[in-house]
Amino acid sequence: MQTFDQQYSDLVRKQVLEIKKKPEYKKYGAMAHKLPILIRTAGLTQALAFVESRGTEIQKQLLLDLKATIEPGDSRTLLIHAQKSELREYMRLTHQVMAALLWYKRFAQSILGVEASDTLLENEDDHA
């Protein structure tokens, strides 16, 4: 039996390899670096709502991939699940999302070549 980390690693690697085939893959990688920070500062529900409302299609794909990684059998979106959860479930969900995002960040660096510092440059380009 595999640990959650082993399962996450395998699934995320496959997803990131598929994303690399798309022209805007760097935005996916940048969001993989930003999302954990958003979650820590604003909370899971607010961070997910932000990406769903303001993210590009490829950044929203990260939410779909994340959902498929941590809850493959659940038909709800992560946002709806977070919104409807009791405190204990919300905390469990947050923990799982953060654990999976660690793998997205690692593969964003190793496969996509997106570093955390690249997300800062992207923000500067948005304001220029």
Protein backbone atom coordinates (compact mmCIF):
# COMPACT_ATOMS: atom_id res chain seq x y z
CA MET A 1 0.00 0.00 0.00
CA GLN A 2 1.31 3.43 -0.98
CA THR A 3 1.42 6.45 1.31
CA PHE A 4 -0.49 9.59 0.36
CA ASP A 5 2.81 11.22 -0.58
CA GLN A 6 3.64 8.35 -2.94
CA GLN A 7 0.17 8.55 -4.50
CA TYR A 8 0.34 12.34 -4.82
CA SER A 9 3.81 12.20 -6.33
CA ASP A 10 2.81 9.72 -9.01
CA LEU A 11 -0.42 11.48 -9.99
CA VAL A 12 1.01 14.98 -9.94
CA ARG A 13 4.02 14.02 -12.05
CA LYS A 14 1.70 12.63 -14.74
CA GLN A 15 -0.52 15.74 -14.64
CA VAL A 16 2.43 18.14 -14.85
CA LEU A 17 3.93 16.23 -17.78
CA GLU A 18 0.60 16.71 -19.61
CA ILE A 19 0.49 20.42 -18.75
CA LYS A 20 3.99 20.93 -20.15
CA LYS A 21 2.52 20.23 -23.61
CA LYS A 22 0.39 23.39 -23.35
CA PRO A 23 1.76 26.80 -24.33
CA GLU A 24 0.84 28.56 -21.06
CA TYR A 25 2.32 25.92 -18.75
CA LYS A 26 4.40 28.53 -16.89
CA LYS A 27 1.20 30.11 -15.49
CA TYR A 28 0.23 26.72 -14.11
CA GLY A 29 3.62 26.42 -12.46
CA ALA A 30 3.42 29.94 -11.09
CA MET A 31 0.04 29.21 -9.52
CA ALA A 32 1.46 26.02 -8.00
CA HIS A 33 3.92 28.27 -6.16
CA LYS A 34 1.36 30.97 -5.25
CA LEU A 35 -1.57 28.84 -4.08
CA PRO A 36 -0.01 27.59 -0.83
CA ILE A 37 0.76 31.18 0.13
CA LEU A 38 -2.79 32.26 -0.70
CA ILE A 39 -4.16 29.42 1.42
CA ARG A 40 -1.95 30.34 4.39
CA THR A 41 -2.87 34.01 4.25
CA ALA A 42 -6.54 33.92 3.25
CA GLY A 43 -7.69 30.40 4.06
CA LEU A 44 -8.62 27.52 1.80
CA THR A 45 -12.07 28.68 0.74
CA GLN A 46 -11.00 32.23 -0.11
CA ALA A 47 -7.90 31.06 -2.00
CA LEU A 48 -9.88 28.57 -4.08
CA ALA A 49 -12.58 31.17 -4.80
CA PHE A 50 -9.92 33.64 -5.90
CA VAL A 51 -8.39 31.21 -8.40
CA GLU A 52 -11.81 30.13 -9.70
CA SER A 53 -12.91 33.73 -10.22
CA ARG A 54 -9.70 35.41 -11.43
CA GLY A 55 -7.43 32.64 -12.66
CA THR A 56 -6.73 31.83 -16.28
CA GLU A 57 -8.01 28.57 -17.73
CA ILE A 58 -4.69 26.85 -17.17
CA GLN A 59 -4.58 28.08 -13.56
CA LYS A 60 -8.09 26.72 -13.04
CA GLN A 61 -6.78 23.44 -14.45
CA LEU A 62 -4.53 23.27 -11.39
CA LEU A 63 -7.65 23.19 -9.19
CA LEU A 64 -9.13 20.39 -11.30
CA ASP A 65 -5.88 18.45 -11.14
CA LEU A 66 -5.59 19.04 -7.41
CA LYS A 67 -9.15 17.77 -6.94
CA ALA A 68 -8.40 14.64 -8.97
CA THR A 69 -5.31 14.05 -6.85
CA ILE A 70 -6.82 14.30 -3.39
CA GLU A 71 -10.47 13.34 -3.98
CA PRO A 72 -10.83 11.35 -7.19
CA GLY A 73 -14.23 9.88 -6.31
CA ASP A 74 -15.92 13.06 -5.07
CA SER A 75 -18.02 14.93 -7.64
CA ARG A 76 -17.90 18.26 -5.78
CA THR A 77 -15.37 20.93 -6.66
CA LEU A 78 -12.77 21.70 -4.00
CA LEU A 79 -14.40 25.08 -3.42
CA ILE A 80 -17.84 23.60 -2.79
CA HIS A 81 -16.36 20.92 -0.56
CA ALA A 82 -14.48 23.55 1.47
CA GLN A 83 -17.55 25.79 1.73
CA LYS A 84 -19.81 22.97 2.97
CA SER A 85 -17.33 21.36 5.38
CA GLU A 86 -17.48 21.34 9.15
CA LEU A 87 -14.33 22.54 10.92
CA ARG A 88 -12.67 19.13 11.30
CA GLU A 89 -13.28 18.24 7.65
CA TYR A 90 -12.14 21.72 6.54
CA MET A 91 -8.88 21.27 8.44
CA ARG A 92 -8.36 17.80 6.93
CA LEU A 93 -9.06 19.11 3.46
CA THR A 94 -6.66 22.02 3.94
CA HIS A 95 -3.96 19.63 5.15
CA GLN A 96 -4.44 17.35 2.13
CA VAL A 97 -4.41 20.26 -0.32
CA MET A 98 -1.21 21.64 1.19
CA ALA A 99 0.45 18.19 1.10
CA ALA A 100 -0.47 17.74 -2.57
CA LEU A 101 0.60 21.28 -3.46
CA LEU A 102 4.07 20.48 -2.21
CA TRP A 103 4.35 17.99 -5.08
CA TYR A 104 2.92 20.48 -7.59
CA LYS A 105 5.57 23.01 -6.53
CA ARG A 106 8.35 20.43 -6.79
CA PHE A 107 7.31 19.32 -10.26
CA ALA A 108 6.70 22.92 -11.36
CA GLN A 109 10.38 23.45 -10.60
CA SER A 110 11.79 20.20 -11.96
CA ILE A 111 9.54 19.53 -14.97
CA LEU A 112 8.20 22.96 -15.92
CA GLY A 113 11.28 24.93 -14.91
CA VAL A 114 9.21 27.47 -12.94
CA GLU A 115 10.88 28.78 -9.81
CA ALA A 116 9.20 30.69 -6.97
CA SER A 117 11.15 33.79 -8.02
CA ASP A 118 9.57 33.55 -11.49
CA THR A 119 6.17 34.24 -9.94
CA LEU A 120 7.47 37.57 -8.63
CA LEU A 121 8.59 38.54 -12.13
CA GLU A 122 5.18 37.56 -13.50
CA ASN A 123 3.49 39.87 -10.99
CA GLU A 124 5.74 42.75 -12.03
CA ASP A 125 4.87 42.14 -15.68
CA ASP A 126 1.15 42.26 -14.79
CA HIS A 127 1.56 45.73 -13.26
CA ALA A 128 3.77 47.20 -16.00
